[in-house]
Protein backbone atom coordinates (compact mmCIF):
# COMPACT_ATOMS: atom_id res chain seq x y z
CA UNK A 1 50.74 73.59 87.68
CA UNK A 2 53.96 75.00 89.15
CA UNK A 3 56.77 75.89 86.77
CA UNK A 4 60.23 74.91 88.04
CA UNK A 5 63.39 76.38 86.54
CA UNK A 6 66.24 73.85 86.62
CA UNK A 7 69.65 75.31 87.46
CA UNK A 8 72.40 72.98 86.26
CA UNK A 9 75.83 73.51 87.81
CA UNK A 10 78.36 72.53 85.18
CA UNK A 11 81.93 73.17 86.34
CA UNK A 12 84.57 71.12 88.15
CA UNK A 13 87.45 68.96 87.02
CA UNK A 14 86.51 65.41 88.11
CA UNK A 15 90.05 64.38 89.04
CA UNK A 16 88.96 61.11 90.67
CA UNK A 17 87.90 59.80 87.25
CA UNK A 18 91.24 60.55 85.58
CA UNK A 19 92.34 59.81 82.86
CA UNK A 20 88.90 59.91 81.24
CA UNK A 21 87.93 63.07 83.14
CA UNK A 22 90.34 66.01 83.04
CA UNK A 23 90.23 69.72 83.70
CA UNK A 24 89.83 70.57 80.01
CA UNK A 25 87.01 68.03 79.55
CA UNK A 26 85.55 66.82 82.87
CA UNK A 27 83.37 63.81 83.56
CA UNK A 28 79.96 65.42 82.93
CA UNK A 29 80.77 65.74 79.21
CA UNK A 30 82.08 62.19 78.81
CA UNK A 31 79.85 59.21 77.87
CA UNK A 32 80.72 57.20 80.98
CA UNK A 33 77.57 55.08 81.14
CA UNK A 34 76.57 54.55 77.51
CA UNK A 35 76.25 56.88 74.53
CA UNK A 36 74.72 59.74 76.51
CA UNK A 37 76.87 62.02 78.67
CA UNK A 38 76.08 62.71 82.32
CA UNK A 39 75.30 66.34 81.46
CA UNK A 40 72.86 65.33 78.73
CA UNK A 41 71.17 62.83 81.04
CA UNK A 42 70.87 65.50 83.74
CA UNK A 43 69.36 67.99 81.31
CA UNK A 44 66.80 65.41 80.14
CA UNK A 45 65.95 64.45 83.72
CA UNK A 46 65.27 68.12 84.48
CA UNK A 47 62.80 68.50 81.61
CA UNK A 48 59.23 67.50 80.96
CA UNK A 49 56.57 67.40 83.66
CA UNK A 50 55.68 65.65 86.90
CA UNK A 51 52.64 65.59 89.14
CA UNK A 52 51.67 69.22 89.74
CA UNK A 53 54.69 70.79 88.02
CA UNK A 54 56.57 71.15 84.79
CA UNK A 55 60.16 72.12 84.07
CA UNK A 56 60.94 75.38 82.29
CA UNK A 57 63.98 75.73 80.02
CA UNK A 58 67.12 75.17 82.13
CA UNK A 59 69.60 77.76 83.34
CA UNK A 60 73.14 76.40 83.04
CA UNK A 61 76.04 77.88 85.01
CA UNK A 62 79.42 77.00 83.56
CA UNK A 63 82.75 78.55 82.61
CA UNK A 64 83.98 80.12 79.41
CA UNK A 65 85.96 77.05 78.31
CA UNK A 66 82.87 74.84 78.44
CA UNK A 67 80.30 77.20 76.92
CA UNK A 68 80.32 75.72 73.41
CA UNK A 69 80.49 72.15 74.74
CA UNK A 70 77.37 72.87 76.81
CA UNK A 71 75.59 74.28 73.76
CA UNK A 72 76.56 71.36 71.55
CA UNK A 73 75.53 68.72 74.08
CA UNK A 74 72.20 70.40 74.82
CA UNK A 75 71.48 70.44 71.09
CA UNK A 76 72.39 66.76 70.93
CA UNK A 77 69.91 66.09 73.74
CA UNK A 78 67.18 68.12 72.01
CA UNK A 79 66.96 70.75 74.77
CA UNK A 80 66.92 74.52 74.33
CA UNK A 81 68.40 76.36 77.32
CA UNK A 82 66.70 79.30 78.94
CA UNK A 83 70.10 80.82 79.73
CA UNK A 84 73.75 79.81 79.77
CA UNK A 85 75.50 81.90 82.40
CA UNK A 86 79.29 82.12 82.24
CA UNK A 87 81.21 82.38 85.52
CA UNK A 88 84.51 84.28 85.01
CA UNK A 89 86.13 81.93 87.53
CA UNK A 90 84.97 79.14 89.80
CA UNK A 91 83.78 80.44 93.19
CA UNK A 92 82.09 77.27 94.48
CA UNK A 93 78.35 76.65 94.74
CA UNK A 94 77.09 79.45 97.02
CA UNK A 95 77.76 82.35 94.59
CA UNK A 96 76.38 80.28 91.69
CA UNK A 97 73.13 79.49 93.55
CA UNK A 98 72.78 83.11 94.64
CA UNK A 99 73.31 84.36 91.08
CA UNK A 100 70.59 82.00 89.82
CA UNK A 101 68.17 83.05 92.58
CA UNK A 102 68.78 86.76 92.01
CA UNK A 103 68.39 86.44 88.24
CA UNK A 104 65.16 84.45 88.48
CA UNK A 105 63.84 86.49 91.41
CA UNK A 106 64.26 89.76 89.51
CA UNK A 107 61.57 88.58 87.09
CA UNK A 108 59.42 86.69 89.59
CA UNK A 109 60.20 86.54 93.35
CA UNK A 110 57.96 83.48 93.61
CA UNK A 111 59.94 81.62 90.96
CA UNK A 112 60.81 78.06 92.01
CA UNK A 113 64.30 76.77 91.21
CA UNK A 114 65.77 73.28 91.33
CA UNK A 115 69.57 73.36 91.60
CA UNK A 116 71.43 70.19 90.64
CA UNK A 117 74.95 69.15 89.65
CA UNK A 118 75.43 68.04 86.05
CA UNK A 119 77.27 64.78 86.78
CA UNK A 120 74.86 62.58 88.74
CA UNK A 121 73.38 59.24 87.70
CA UNK A 122 69.66 58.83 88.51
CA UNK A 123 68.27 55.92 86.47
CA UNK A 124 64.65 56.20 87.72
CA UNK A 125 63.51 59.58 86.40
CA UNK A 126 59.89 58.99 87.48
CA UNK A 127 61.00 58.41 91.08
CA UNK A 128 63.06 61.59 90.97
CA UNK A 129 60.09 63.60 89.66
CA UNK A 130 57.94 62.13 92.44
CA UNK A 131 60.51 63.33 94.99
CA UNK A 132 60.44 66.81 93.44
CA UNK A 133 56.64 66.84 93.77
CA UNK A 134 57.03 65.96 97.47
CA UNK A 135 59.47 68.83 97.89
CA UNK A 136 57.13 71.36 96.31
CA UNK A 137 54.73 71.06 99.24
CA UNK A 138 57.50 72.17 101.61
CA UNK A 139 58.62 74.97 99.27
CA UNK A 140 55.10 76.36 99.33
CA UNK A 141 55.51 76.65 103.12
CA UNK A 142 58.67 78.72 102.73
CA UNK A 143 61.08 75.82 103.23
CA UNK A 144 64.42 75.32 101.54
CA UNK A 145 64.42 71.70 100.39
CA UNK A 146 67.35 69.35 99.91
CA UNK A 147 67.26 65.74 98.80
CA UNK A 148 68.75 62.96 100.92
CA UNK A 149 69.78 59.74 99.22
CA UNK A 150 69.07 56.52 101.14
CA UNK A 151 72.51 54.91 101.64
CA UNK A 152 73.13 51.50 100.13
CA UNK A 153 76.48 50.99 101.86
CA UNK A 154 78.75 52.62 104.44
CA UNK A 155 80.27 55.25 102.14
CA UNK A 156 83.09 57.48 103.43
CA UNK A 157 83.31 59.72 100.36
CA UNK A 158 79.97 61.50 100.92
CA UNK A 159 78.68 63.99 103.44
CA UNK A 160 75.50 62.99 105.26
CA UNK A 161 72.23 64.56 106.38
CA UNK A 162 70.95 63.59 109.83
CA UNK A 163 67.15 63.67 109.85
CA UNK A 164 65.26 64.81 112.95
CA UNK A 165 63.02 61.72 112.71
CA UNK A 166 62.90 58.49 110.78
CA UNK A 167 61.31 59.06 107.35
CA UNK A 168 57.95 57.49 106.55
CA UNK A 169 57.32 55.21 103.61
CA UNK A 170 55.61 57.93 101.59
CA UNK A 171 58.72 60.03 101.10
CA UNK A 172 57.31 63.16 102.75
CA UNK A 173 59.77 65.93 103.68
CA UNK A 174 61.47 65.56 107.06
CA UNK A 175 63.10 68.25 109.20
CA UNK A 176 66.90 68.28 109.14
CA UNK A 177 68.76 67.89 112.41
CA UNK A 178 72.27 68.58 111.12
CA UNK A 179 74.79 68.19 108.32
CA UNK A 180 77.51 65.58 108.91
CA UNK A 181 80.97 65.78 107.34
CA UNK A 182 82.45 62.81 105.47
CA UNK A 183 82.84 60.10 108.14
CA UNK A 184 85.42 57.41 108.73
CA UNK A 185 84.45 53.80 108.02
CA UNK A 186 83.26 53.01 111.54
CA UNK A 187 81.05 56.09 111.78
CA UNK A 188 79.64 55.46 108.29
CA UNK A 189 78.62 51.96 109.35
CA UNK A 190 76.90 53.35 112.46
CA UNK A 191 74.95 55.90 110.42
CA UNK A 192 73.91 53.25 107.90
CA UNK A 193 72.49 51.13 110.71
CA UNK A 194 70.70 54.05 112.38
CA UNK A 195 68.32 54.65 109.46
CA UNK A 196 67.91 58.42 109.86
CA UNK A 197 71.03 59.41 107.91
CA UNK A 198 70.98 60.18 104.20
CA UNK A 199 73.70 60.98 101.71
CA UNK A 200 73.91 64.68 100.88
CA UNK A 201 73.30 64.87 97.13
CA UNK A 202 73.75 68.64 96.78
CA UNK A 203 70.34 69.05 95.08
CA UNK A 204 68.14 71.93 96.27
CA UNK A 205 64.58 73.09 95.61
CA UNK A 206 63.41 76.53 96.73
CA UNK A 207 61.57 79.73 95.89
CA UNK A 208 63.89 82.50 94.75
CA UNK A 209 62.66 84.90 97.43
CA UNK A 210 63.32 82.37 100.22
CA UNK A 211 66.87 81.64 99.06
CA UNK A 212 67.64 85.35 98.74
CA UNK A 213 66.27 85.89 102.26
CA UNK A 214 68.50 83.08 103.52
CA UNK A 215 71.57 84.73 102.02
CA UNK A 216 70.60 88.06 103.55
CA UNK A 217 70.33 86.37 106.94
CA UNK A 218 73.36 84.09 106.84
CA UNK A 219 75.78 85.29 104.13
CA UNK A 220 74.98 88.95 103.42
CA UNK A 221 78.56 89.69 102.33
CA UNK A 222 77.99 87.67 99.14
CA UNK A 223 75.01 89.65 97.92
CA UNK A 224 76.55 92.95 96.76
CA UNK A 225 79.33 91.48 94.57
CA UNK A 226 77.00 88.89 93.01
CA UNK A 227 74.38 91.57 92.31
CA UNK A 228 77.09 93.71 90.70
CA UNK A 229 78.32 90.79 88.60
CA UNK A 230 74.77 90.34 87.29
CA UNK A 231 74.11 94.05 86.80
CA UNK A 232 77.32 94.48 84.79
CA UNK A 233 76.98 91.18 82.88
CA UNK A 234 77.40 91.22 79.09
CA UNK A 235 75.61 89.15 76.46
CA UNK A 236 78.13 87.42 74.19
CA UNK A 237 76.89 85.21 71.33
CA UNK A 238 73.82 84.40 73.41
CA UNK A 239 75.78 83.62 76.58
CA UNK A 240 75.44 85.81 79.66
CA UNK A 241 78.94 86.62 80.94
CA UNK A 242 79.01 87.71 84.58
CA UNK A 243 81.22 90.73 85.16
CA UNK A 244 84.70 89.48 86.18
CA UNK A 245 85.74 92.26 88.58
CA UNK A 246 82.88 92.00 91.10
CA UNK A 247 82.72 88.21 90.65
CA UNK A 248 86.38 87.98 91.62
CA UNK A 249 85.55 89.64 94.95
CA UNK A 250 83.03 86.94 95.91
CA UNK A 251 84.11 84.49 98.59
CA UNK A 252 84.83 80.95 97.38
CA UNK A 253 82.34 79.01 99.54
CA UNK A 254 79.85 76.17 99.19
CA UNK A 255 76.11 76.64 99.58
CA UNK A 256 76.17 74.20 102.51
CA UNK A 257 78.66 76.26 104.52
CA UNK A 258 77.28 79.66 103.48
CA UNK A 259 73.57 79.06 104.04
CA UNK A 260 72.25 75.53 104.47
CA UNK A 261 74.06 74.61 107.68
CA UNK A 262 72.76 77.84 109.28
CA UNK A 263 69.21 77.95 107.96
CA UNK A 264 66.32 77.00 110.24
CA UNK A 265 63.80 76.39 107.46
CA UNK A 266 65.41 73.37 105.84
CA UNK A 267 63.53 70.17 104.93
CA UNK A 268 64.87 66.93 103.47
CA UNK A 269 63.04 64.81 100.92
CA UNK A 270 64.22 61.19 101.26
CA UNK A 271 65.09 59.57 97.92
CA UNK A 272 65.13 55.77 98.00
CA UNK A 273 65.84 55.06 94.33
CA UNK A 274 69.25 54.47 92.78
CA UNK A 275 71.66 57.41 92.67
CA UNK A 276 75.37 57.98 92.21
CA UNK A 277 77.62 60.99 91.71
CA UNK A 278 80.18 58.69 90.03
CA UNK A 279 82.78 60.05 92.42
CA UNK A 280 85.37 57.42 91.55
CA UNK A 281 86.11 54.43 89.34
CA UNK A 282 84.71 52.14 92.03
CA UNK A 283 81.34 53.88 91.57
CA UNK A 284 81.57 53.43 87.78
CA UNK A 285 82.31 49.74 88.35
CA UNK A 286 79.32 49.43 90.68
CA UNK A 287 76.89 51.32 88.40
CA UNK A 288 78.03 49.41 85.29
CA UNK A 289 76.63 46.11 86.60
CA UNK A 290 79.51 43.71 87.28
CA UNK A 291 79.09 40.12 86.07
CA UNK A 292 79.00 37.07 88.36
CA UNK A 293 82.75 37.32 88.93
CA UNK A 294 82.48 41.02 89.73
CA UNK A 295 84.09 42.04 86.43
CA UNK A 296 83.23 45.02 84.24
CA UNK A 297 84.92 45.10 80.82
CA UNK A 298 84.23 48.21 78.73
CA UNK A 299 85.27 48.99 75.17
CA UNK A 300 88.32 47.14 73.90
CA UNK A 301 88.82 45.23 77.15
CA UNK A 302 89.09 41.50 77.80
CA UNK A 303 89.16 39.84 81.22
CA UNK A 304 90.62 36.35 81.65
CA UNK A 305 90.20 34.67 85.04
CA UNK A 306 89.64 38.02 86.80
CA UNK A 307 87.57 38.91 89.84
CA UNK A 308 86.16 42.16 91.28
CA UNK A 309 87.87 44.15 88.53
CA UNK A 310 87.21 47.05 86.14
CA UNK A 311 88.90 46.95 82.74
CA UNK A 312 88.18 49.83 80.39
CA UNK A 313 89.62 51.03 77.10
CA UNK A 314 88.50 54.39 75.74
CA UNK A 315 90.83 54.32 72.76
CA UNK A 316 89.47 52.87 69.54
CA UNK A 317 92.84 51.28 68.69
CA UNK A 318 93.93 50.04 72.12
CA UNK A 319 93.06 46.64 73.56
CA UNK A 320 93.33 46.08 77.33
CA UNK A 321 93.70 42.49 78.55
CA UNK A 322 93.68 41.48 82.21
CA UNK A 323 94.75 38.01 83.37
CA UNK A 324 94.26 36.76 86.93
CA UNK A 325 93.44 40.20 88.35
CA UNK A 326 91.59 40.65 91.64
CA UNK A 327 90.33 44.01 92.92
CA UNK A 328 92.01 46.03 90.18
CA UNK A 329 90.82 48.94 88.06
CA UNK A 330 92.62 49.60 84.78
CA UNK A 331 91.53 52.47 82.54
CA UNK A 332 93.35 53.13 79.28
CA UNK A 333 93.31 56.02 76.82
CA UNK A 334 95.64 56.63 73.93
CA UNK A 335 97.83 58.99 75.98
CA UNK A 336 97.50 57.70 79.57
CA UNK A 337 96.78 54.50 81.51
CA UNK A 338 95.61 54.16 85.12
CA UNK A 339 96.20 50.93 87.05
CA UNK A 340 95.23 50.88 90.72
CA UNK A 341 93.79 48.79 93.51
CA UNK A 342 90.03 49.31 93.49
CA UNK A 343 90.11 50.13 97.20
CA UNK A 344 92.23 53.20 96.35
CA UNK A 345 89.64 54.75 94.02
CA UNK A 346 89.47 57.98 96.03
CA UNK A 347 93.25 58.41 95.68
CA UNK A 348 93.23 58.72 91.88
CA UNK A 349 93.39 62.49 92.35
CA UNK A 350 96.93 61.91 93.69
CA UNK A 351 97.92 60.78 90.19
CA UNK A 352 96.75 64.11 88.81
CA UNK A 353 98.77 65.99 91.42
CA UNK A 354 101.88 63.92 90.68
CA UNK A 355 101.56 64.50 86.93
CA UNK A 356 101.10 68.24 87.47
CA UNK A 357 104.32 68.34 89.50
CA UNK A 358 106.28 66.73 86.68
CA UNK A 359 104.68 69.00 84.07
CA UNK A 360 102.86 66.26 82.16
CA UNK A 361 100.14 67.59 79.86
CA UNK A 362 98.03 64.51 80.59
CA UNK A 363 97.31 65.87 84.08
CA UNK A 364 94.76 68.36 82.76
CA UNK A 365 94.63 68.28 78.94
CA UNK A 366 92.25 65.90 77.18
CA UNK A 367 93.58 64.13 74.05
CA UNK A 368 90.82 65.69 71.96
CA UNK A 369 90.81 69.47 72.14
CA UNK A 370 87.16 70.51 71.81
CA UNK A 371 86.45 73.79 70.04
CA UNK A 372 83.17 75.53 69.10
CA UNK A 373 83.50 74.24 65.52
CA UNK A 374 84.40 70.63 66.42
CA UNK A 375 87.60 69.05 67.78
CA UNK A 376 91.15 68.10 66.94
CA UNK A 377 93.67 65.63 68.30
CA UNK A 378 97.43 65.36 67.81
CA UNK A 379 98.46 62.05 66.26
CA UNK A 380 102.22 62.59 66.01
CA UNK A 381 104.43 65.44 67.29
CA UNK A 382 108.07 65.94 66.31
CA UNK A 383 110.64 68.70 66.76
CA UNK A 384 109.59 70.47 63.53
CA UNK A 385 106.29 68.85 62.60
CA UNK A 386 102.89 67.79 63.93
CA UNK A 387 100.11 65.61 62.50
CA UNK A 388 96.51 66.23 63.60
CA UNK A 389 93.09 64.79 62.96
CA UNK A 390 90.46 67.54 62.74
CA UNK A 391 86.66 67.17 62.77
CA UNK A 392 84.44 70.11 61.75
CA UNK A 393 80.68 70.10 62.44
CA UNK A 394 78.28 70.62 59.50
CA UNK A 395 78.03 74.33 58.71
CA UNK A 396 80.85 75.24 61.13
CA UNK A 397 83.98 77.21 60.22
CA UNK A 398 87.37 77.87 61.72
CA UNK A 399 88.57 81.45 62.05
CA UNK A 400 90.24 83.35 59.21
CA UNK A 401 93.84 83.09 60.35
CA UNK A 402 97.55 82.94 59.56
CA UNK A 403 100.72 81.54 61.15
CA UNK A 404 104.20 83.00 61.57
CA UNK A 405 106.22 79.81 61.95
CA UNK A 406 104.56 76.95 60.08
CA UNK A 407 103.02 75.85 56.82
CA UNK A 408 100.27 73.23 56.59
CA UNK A 409 99.00 70.43 54.34
CA UNK A 410 95.31 69.52 54.60
CA UNK A 411 94.07 66.12 53.35
CA UNK A 412 90.29 65.64 53.46
CA UNK A 413 89.38 62.07 54.43
CA UNK A 414 85.63 62.47 55.10
CA UNK A 415 83.17 65.03 53.72
CA UNK A 416 83.97 68.24 51.89
CA UNK A 417 85.87 71.37 52.96
CA UNK A 418 85.50 74.88 51.59
CA UNK A 419 89.03 76.24 51.85
CA UNK A 420 90.13 79.86 51.64
CA UNK A 421 93.83 80.53 50.87
CA UNK A 422 94.46 84.27 50.55
CA UNK A 423 92.15 85.36 47.69
CA UNK A 424 91.30 81.87 46.43
CA UNK A 425 88.30 79.83 47.62
CA UNK A 426 87.80 76.23 46.52
CA UNK A 427 86.10 72.98 47.51
CA UNK A 428 88.32 70.12 48.62
CA UNK A 429 86.63 66.70 48.69
CA UNK A 430 87.61 63.29 50.02
CA UNK A 431 91.05 62.11 48.91
CA UNK A 432 92.04 65.63 47.84
CA UNK A 433 94.55 67.93 49.54
CA UNK A 434 95.60 71.56 49.68
CA UNK A 435 98.86 73.27 50.69
CA UNK A 436 98.89 76.38 52.89
CA UNK A 437 102.24 78.17 52.68
CA UNK A 438 103.80 80.00 55.62
CA UNK A 439 102.05 83.31 56.32
CA UNK A 440 99.03 82.80 54.05
CA UNK A 441 95.63 83.92 55.31
CA UNK A 442 93.37 80.88 55.35
CA UNK A 443 90.12 79.43 56.58
CA UNK A 444 88.35 76.08 56.57
CA UNK A 445 84.57 75.56 56.52
CA UNK A 446 82.35 72.50 56.33
CA UNK A 447 79.59 73.38 53.83
CA UNK A 448 78.00 69.94 54.01
CA UNK A 449 75.41 68.21 56.18
CA UNK A 450 77.77 65.57 57.64
CA UNK A 451 80.91 66.00 59.74
CA UNK A 452 84.07 66.76 57.78
CA UNK A 453 87.34 65.11 58.82
CA UNK A 454 90.78 65.99 57.57
CA UNK A 455 94.39 65.20 58.39
CA UNK A 456 96.57 68.27 58.95
CA UNK A 457 100.35 68.06 58.62
CA UNK A 458 102.17 71.04 60.10
CA UNK A 459 105.83 71.72 59.33
CA UNK A 460 107.98 74.56 60.60
CA UNK A 461 110.18 75.91 63.35
CA UNK A 462 107.30 76.06 65.85
CA UNK A 463 103.95 74.20 65.86
CA UNK A 464 102.38 75.44 69.12
CA UNK A 465 98.70 76.38 69.35
CA UNK A 466 99.57 80.00 70.16
CA UNK A 467 101.14 80.59 66.72
CA UNK A 468 97.96 82.03 65.30
CA UNK A 469 96.64 85.42 64.21
CA UNK A 470 92.87 85.62 63.87
CA UNK A 471 91.31 88.17 61.50
CA UNK A 472 87.66 87.05 61.59
CA UNK A 473 85.89 84.56 63.82
CA UNK A 474 82.20 83.71 64.11
CA UNK A 475 82.82 82.69 67.74
CA UNK A 476 84.19 86.13 68.73
CA UNK A 477 87.71 84.91 69.56
CA UNK A 478 89.62 87.61 67.66
């Protein structure tokens, strides 16, 4: 029985799924296809056992802003991570894969790793595990294995893998002839008809020693700074933080460009089952199962005499109604609405760029600001006041803090809060409130076993998030 360590790459901004996916809370953390997030589904898919192998606890590579979200969602999925590695800044996939290989290889050079993005949809987990089992045979021969998805249509948004021969029906690994960049529509149609082209899924299976050898042969300049970032890494609240100075010297480059396109020992395992990277709202429409008229209506959405259309509301108090629409995608949140022709799904990122240019917060900031203790959202903002809804997880606590420019009123609407105001500590239950005068040292904790929700009313000359002095913090943010 071979043990495989999953390496889940969990960064990115997912701009093509704006407004639901944003830099502060990208698509892998959002429940796009049901109650479970893409990240949780990926973690579950990379757990358990298949024929001849089992999955060890996963290694997750992410950034500092997402570290507590990753922890919370893994707990929600019932999975304990082997390691959560924090990248000081995004440097693309090659440094991340090398860091994982070096870390695993230091303990066991024969360690087998499966690297996968955190935002893919693979409904047939058994078929995926069977493909992994096929790949193991090639790994045992010193091959670097990638997985090629059998195309279902002439897609121009994906890169392709050209196989040296047509794959057989058993799904055995096939030698790779070459990588192919994202094609135009005509070329994509030709490759679909040829039969020996697969979509490049960016999923890799290899032995640590073989991947390290590939880097030494094809991208040796990456090794020293990544080794230094690991050697100087610090453990922080259970997270492994790579050292920022050497990591900042690493080239920003993908694993395909750095190694895979140059390696001679690369095999492709064909994967014929359903797969999607949900790279645009058209993919969400397709994977959601349109009705006979080609309509997908999600959440508070109603379609009247529509065709080939996606209507989606992700706001609990906002109804979206489409009448007589054809080939339209409309996605609504409480702070932003996208309306576009479905054929322009890949251009949604242009909306993000346009909003950034005009300084709109909606370009990157999610309405709910997720923190290690829970989340908050602004309900109303005025020149000298702000109203928030705050949710605190059971047992979680905000930092001991004070403000220079504002006072606050807290009204508990669900659960119970243990509130500290200077030297006084008291319980505040549902339908009770507490006043926090300007400058007081205060803290909020949820002592219960259910989430606690309160409404916070801030008043003062300045109500920005940076008006805070932290004295104590269980999440080491002081």
